[in-house]
Amino acid sequence: MIRLATVAVLLTLVKLGLWQLDRAAHKQQLQQQYQQRAQQRLQWPLPTEGDLRGYQLQISGNWLPQQALLLDNQVVDGQVGYRYLVPLQVSLEQPWLLVDLGFVAAPSRREQLPALPPLPSRSVVLGRLLQPQPNRLADQLLPEVGVVTRIQALNWSQLQQHWQHPLIPALLWLQQPQQLGFKRPWQPINMAAEKHHAYALQWFSLALAWLVVALLLWRRNRKGTTANPVNRPI
């Protein structure tokens, strides 16, 4: 029973290390994809399905500040705050496009919202498209409606129901005009491949340490059995 538990723990640690290596390979593939798409520009209207990540888009539309969102629980440079998201309306018949206007620090009190600068009625914007993947454990919109609606996750289907209007399932990370919004760090990948490699090394190191301990205990038990043999009848 003890041997089975030892082997099970060892296999679990190795499996976790292999999973981190698989995640690292996936992140490297994404990074290469973003680099390849950096200079490729899509045309409007965008498809409502498919992989839009990393492509450029230039478009003209009307801002809808009355529908602005603050995406909660964001951290930039160790500071807690929100992502300021505002939909852009290209025409009355077409889906809205949500634009990321950057990171804004949260006030000290939860019931307070940050001051947001006014937007022009219409702009020509240039940016790159993102399709953030929600946390499976916290993927509900949970809108707190106020002067600006605070949300907990980007849930596209729930957001469309909230607005009662179709929405492109992608986020435009704004590059131009630079004077609009706040600080906008380009973070298309939430964890770099190097970090996954470091985690994999930790899991493999734990597996090796577990194996060494198990071998030492097995060797000690074997010596104890040899030094004190069980008396057998002649």
Protein backbone atom coordinates (compact mmCIF):
# COMPACT_ATOMS: atom_id res chain seq x y z
CA MET A 1 0.00 0.00 0.00
CA ILE A 2 2.81 2.41 0.89
CA ARG A 3 4.64 1.53 -2.32
CA LEU A 4 1.53 2.24 -4.37
CA ALA A 5 1.08 5.62 -2.67
CA THR A 6 4.75 6.47 -3.30
CA VAL A 7 4.45 5.62 -6.99
CA ALA A 8 1.17 7.56 -7.26
CA VAL A 9 2.71 10.71 -5.77
CA LEU A 10 5.76 10.39 -8.03
CA LEU A 11 3.62 9.99 -11.16
CA THR A 12 1.46 12.96 -10.14
CA LEU A 13 4.50 15.23 -9.75
CA VAL A 14 5.91 14.15 -13.11
CA LYS A 15 2.52 14.64 -14.75
CA LEU A 16 2.30 18.18 -13.37
CA GLY A 17 5.75 18.95 -14.76
CA LEU A 18 4.79 17.61 -18.19
CA TRP A 19 1.59 19.66 -18.10
CA GLN A 20 3.61 22.82 -17.45
CA LEU A 21 5.89 21.98 -20.40
CA ASP A 22 2.81 21.55 -22.58
CA ARG A 23 1.51 24.94 -21.43
CA ALA A 24 4.90 26.51 -22.20
CA ALA A 25 4.83 25.10 -25.74
CA HIS A 26 1.32 26.47 -26.21
CA LYS A 27 2.37 29.95 -25.01
CA GLN A 28 5.39 29.92 -27.34
CA GLN A 29 3.10 29.08 -30.23
CA LEU A 30 0.78 31.94 -29.28
CA GLN A 31 3.70 34.36 -29.05
CA GLN A 32 4.87 33.41 -32.55
CA GLN A 33 1.31 33.81 -33.79
CA TYR A 34 1.05 37.33 -32.34
CA GLN A 35 4.36 38.28 -33.94
CA GLN A 36 3.25 37.01 -37.35
CA ARG A 37 -0.09 38.85 -37.16
CA ALA A 38 1.32 42.13 -35.83
CA GLN A 39 1.45 43.76 -39.28
CA GLN A 40 -1.67 42.12 -40.73
CA ARG A 41 -4.78 44.30 -40.75
CA LEU A 42 -8.34 42.97 -40.86
CA GLN A 43 -11.24 44.69 -42.57
CA TRP A 44 -14.59 45.57 -41.04
CA PRO A 45 -17.05 43.94 -40.56
CA LEU A 46 -15.26 41.34 -38.48
CA PRO A 47 -16.46 37.75 -38.32
CA THR A 48 -18.46 36.89 -35.23
CA GLU A 49 -16.57 33.59 -34.91
CA GLY A 50 -12.99 32.46 -35.36
CA ASP A 51 -9.55 33.40 -34.09
CA LEU A 52 -8.98 37.17 -34.28
CA ARG A 53 -6.11 37.39 -31.78
CA GLY A 54 -3.20 39.65 -32.64
CA TYR A 55 -4.50 41.17 -35.88
CA GLN A 56 -4.59 44.93 -36.42
CA LEU A 57 -7.81 46.80 -37.01
CA GLN A 58 -8.45 50.42 -37.97
CA ILE A 59 -12.03 51.60 -37.77
CA SER A 60 -14.18 54.69 -37.33
CA GLY A 61 -17.15 54.77 -35.00
CA ASN A 62 -19.16 56.48 -32.30
CA TRP A 63 -18.22 56.00 -28.66
CA LEU A 64 -20.92 54.74 -26.29
CA PRO A 65 -19.69 56.03 -22.88
CA GLN A 66 -23.11 55.39 -21.32
CA GLN A 67 -22.33 51.67 -21.80
CA ALA A 68 -18.77 51.91 -20.40
CA LEU A 69 -17.42 49.06 -18.26
CA LEU A 70 -14.83 48.69 -15.52
CA LEU A 71 -13.35 45.17 -15.51
CA ASP A 72 -12.53 44.44 -11.87
CA ASN A 73 -9.51 42.80 -10.19
CA GLN A 74 -6.79 43.95 -12.59
CA VAL A 75 -3.19 44.39 -11.49
CA VAL A 76 -0.53 46.42 -13.33
CA ASP A 77 2.91 47.07 -11.83
CA GLY A 78 1.67 45.89 -8.45
CA GLN A 79 -1.25 48.32 -8.42
CA VAL A 80 -4.87 47.11 -8.21
CA GLY A 81 -7.49 48.63 -10.46
CA TYR A 82 -9.72 48.21 -13.50
CA ARG A 83 -9.58 47.92 -17.27
CA TYR A 84 -11.62 50.73 -18.78
CA LEU A 85 -13.70 49.25 -21.62
CA VAL A 86 -15.99 51.25 -23.91
CA PRO A 87 -18.02 49.92 -26.88
CA LEU A 88 -17.64 51.52 -30.29
CA GLN A 89 -20.63 51.70 -32.62
CA VAL A 90 -19.75 51.57 -36.32
CA SER A 91 -23.37 51.60 -37.49
CA LEU A 92 -26.80 51.03 -35.96
CA GLU A 93 -27.20 47.62 -37.60
CA GLN A 94 -23.80 46.15 -36.86
CA PRO A 95 -22.38 44.60 -33.66
CA TRP A 96 -20.54 46.79 -31.19
CA LEU A 97 -16.80 46.45 -30.72
CA LEU A 98 -15.43 46.69 -27.19
CA VAL A 99 -12.30 48.88 -26.93
CA ASP A 100 -9.73 48.62 -24.14
CA LEU A 101 -8.86 52.16 -23.07
CA GLY A 102 -6.29 51.04 -20.52
CA PHE A 103 -5.69 50.50 -16.84
CA VAL A 104 -7.03 52.87 -14.19
CA ALA A 105 -6.12 52.52 -10.52
CA ALA A 106 -8.90 51.79 -8.04
CA PRO A 107 -9.73 54.32 -5.29
CA SER A 108 -9.02 53.34 -1.71
CA ARG A 109 -12.70 52.65 -0.96
CA ARG A 110 -14.62 49.91 -2.77
CA GLU A 111 -17.81 51.95 -3.14
CA GLN A 112 -15.89 54.66 -5.01
CA LEU A 113 -15.21 54.48 -8.75
CA PRO A 114 -12.26 56.12 -10.51
CA ALA A 115 -12.69 59.41 -12.34
CA LEU A 116 -12.96 58.79 -16.07
CA PRO A 117 -12.17 61.48 -18.68
CA PRO A 118 -14.77 62.43 -21.29
CA LEU A 119 -14.58 60.87 -24.74
CA PRO A 120 -15.15 62.51 -28.11
CA SER A 121 -18.38 61.59 -29.84
CA ARG A 122 -16.52 59.88 -32.70
CA SER A 123 -12.97 58.64 -33.37
CA VAL A 124 -10.85 56.78 -35.86
CA VAL A 125 -9.10 54.12 -33.79
CA LEU A 126 -6.23 51.76 -34.49
CA GLY A 127 -5.38 48.78 -32.35
CA ARG A 128 -4.83 45.05 -32.07
CA LEU A 129 -7.45 42.46 -31.34
CA LEU A 130 -7.53 40.28 -28.25
CA GLN A 131 -9.84 37.47 -27.19
CA PRO A 132 -9.26 37.11 -23.43
CA GLN A 133 -10.01 33.68 -21.99
CA PRO A 134 -12.06 33.92 -18.78
CA ASN A 135 -11.15 32.11 -15.61
CA ARG A 136 -13.31 28.98 -15.54
CA LEU A 137 -13.78 29.38 -11.81
CA ALA A 138 -14.90 33.01 -12.13
CA ASP A 139 -16.44 33.56 -15.56
CA GLN A 140 -19.69 35.29 -14.62
CA LEU A 141 -20.32 38.90 -15.68
CA LEU A 142 -21.95 39.93 -12.35
CA PRO A 143 -22.64 43.53 -13.45
CA GLU A 144 -22.88 46.25 -10.81
CA VAL A 145 -24.82 48.93 -12.66
CA GLY A 146 -24.03 52.54 -11.81
CA VAL A 147 -22.61 55.61 -13.52
CA VAL A 148 -20.16 53.09 -14.95
CA THR A 149 -20.97 49.37 -14.82
CA ARG A 150 -18.44 47.29 -12.91
CA ILE A 151 -18.05 43.68 -14.10
CA GLN A 152 -16.11 40.67 -12.83
CA ALA A 153 -15.34 38.88 -16.10
CA LEU A 154 -15.64 39.27 -19.85
CA ASN A 155 -18.47 36.87 -20.58
CA TRP A 156 -19.48 37.71 -24.16
CA SER A 157 -22.86 35.99 -24.20
CA GLN A 158 -23.90 37.51 -20.86
CA LEU A 159 -22.66 40.93 -21.97
CA GLN A 160 -24.80 40.74 -25.11
CA GLN A 161 -27.82 39.88 -22.97
CA HIS A 162 -26.99 42.74 -20.59
CA TRP A 163 -26.89 45.26 -23.46
CA GLN A 164 -29.52 43.56 -25.62
CA HIS A 165 -27.26 44.19 -28.60
CA PRO A 166 -24.91 41.98 -30.64
CA LEU A 167 -21.21 42.22 -29.82
CA ILE A 168 -18.00 41.16 -31.54
CA PRO A 169 -16.40 38.54 -29.23
CA ALA A 170 -13.06 40.34 -29.20
CA LEU A 171 -11.42 43.29 -27.50
CA LEU A 172 -9.57 46.04 -29.39
CA TRP A 173 -6.39 47.03 -27.52
CA LEU A 174 -6.14 50.71 -28.44
CA GLN A 175 -2.90 52.04 -29.95
CA GLN A 176 -4.13 55.25 -31.61
CA PRO A 177 -5.21 57.88 -30.64
CA GLN A 178 -2.67 57.75 -27.81
CA GLN A 179 -4.28 60.60 -25.87
CA LEU A 180 -7.44 58.61 -25.18
CA GLY A 181 -7.77 56.62 -21.99
CA PHE A 182 -5.01 55.48 -19.66
CA LYS A 183 -1.84 53.40 -19.56
CA ARG A 184 -2.22 50.41 -21.88
CA PRO A 185 0.36 47.66 -21.37
CA TRP A 186 0.32 45.03 -24.11
CA GLN A 187 -0.32 41.77 -22.27
CA PRO A 188 -1.89 39.33 -24.71
CA ILE A 189 -0.54 36.33 -22.77
CA ASN A 190 -1.24 36.16 -19.06
CA MET A 191 1.81 34.00 -18.29
CA ALA A 192 4.99 33.76 -20.35
CA ALA A 193 6.42 30.44 -21.52
CA GLU A 194 9.49 31.00 -19.33
CA LYS A 195 7.35 30.97 -16.21
CA HIS A 196 5.79 27.66 -17.20
CA HIS A 197 9.29 26.26 -17.70
CA ALA A 198 10.20 27.41 -14.20
CA TYR A 199 7.11 25.72 -12.75
CA ALA A 200 7.91 22.53 -14.67
CA LEU A 201 11.41 22.54 -13.20
CA GLN A 202 9.93 22.88 -9.71
CA TRP A 203 7.61 19.90 -10.22
CA PHE A 204 10.39 17.74 -11.65
CA SER A 205 12.67 18.73 -8.76
CA LEU A 206 9.99 17.71 -6.29
CA ALA A 207 9.57 14.41 -8.12
CA LEU A 208 13.31 13.77 -7.93
CA ALA A 209 13.42 14.68 -4.23
CA TRP A 210 10.46 12.38 -3.56
CA LEU A 211 12.18 9.54 -5.43
CA VAL A 212 15.41 10.01 -3.47
CA VAL A 213 13.56 9.99 -0.14
CA ALA A 214 11.58 6.92 -1.16
CA LEU A 215 14.77 5.06 -2.16
CA LEU A 216 16.52 6.00 1.08
CA LEU A 217 13.56 4.79 3.15
CA TRP A 218 13.37 1.57 1.16
CA ARG A 219 17.11 0.98 1.64
CA ARG A 220 16.89 1.63 5.39
CA ASN A 221 13.94 -0.73 5.77
CA ARG A 222 15.76 -3.41 3.81
CA LYS A 223 18.85 -3.14 6.02
CA GLY A 224 16.66 -3.36 9.12
CA THR A 225 15.03 -6.52 7.81
CA THR A 226 18.42 -8.09 6.99
CA ALA A 227 19.90 -7.24 10.40
CA ASN A 228 16.89 -8.68 12.26
CA PRO A 229 15.77 -11.77 10.36
CA VAL A 230 12.59 -13.43 11.45
CA ASN A 231 13.20 -16.62 13.43
CA ARG A 232 12.02 -19.56 11.46
CA PRO A 233 11.34 -23.07 12.83
CA ILE A 234 13.88 -25.73 11.85
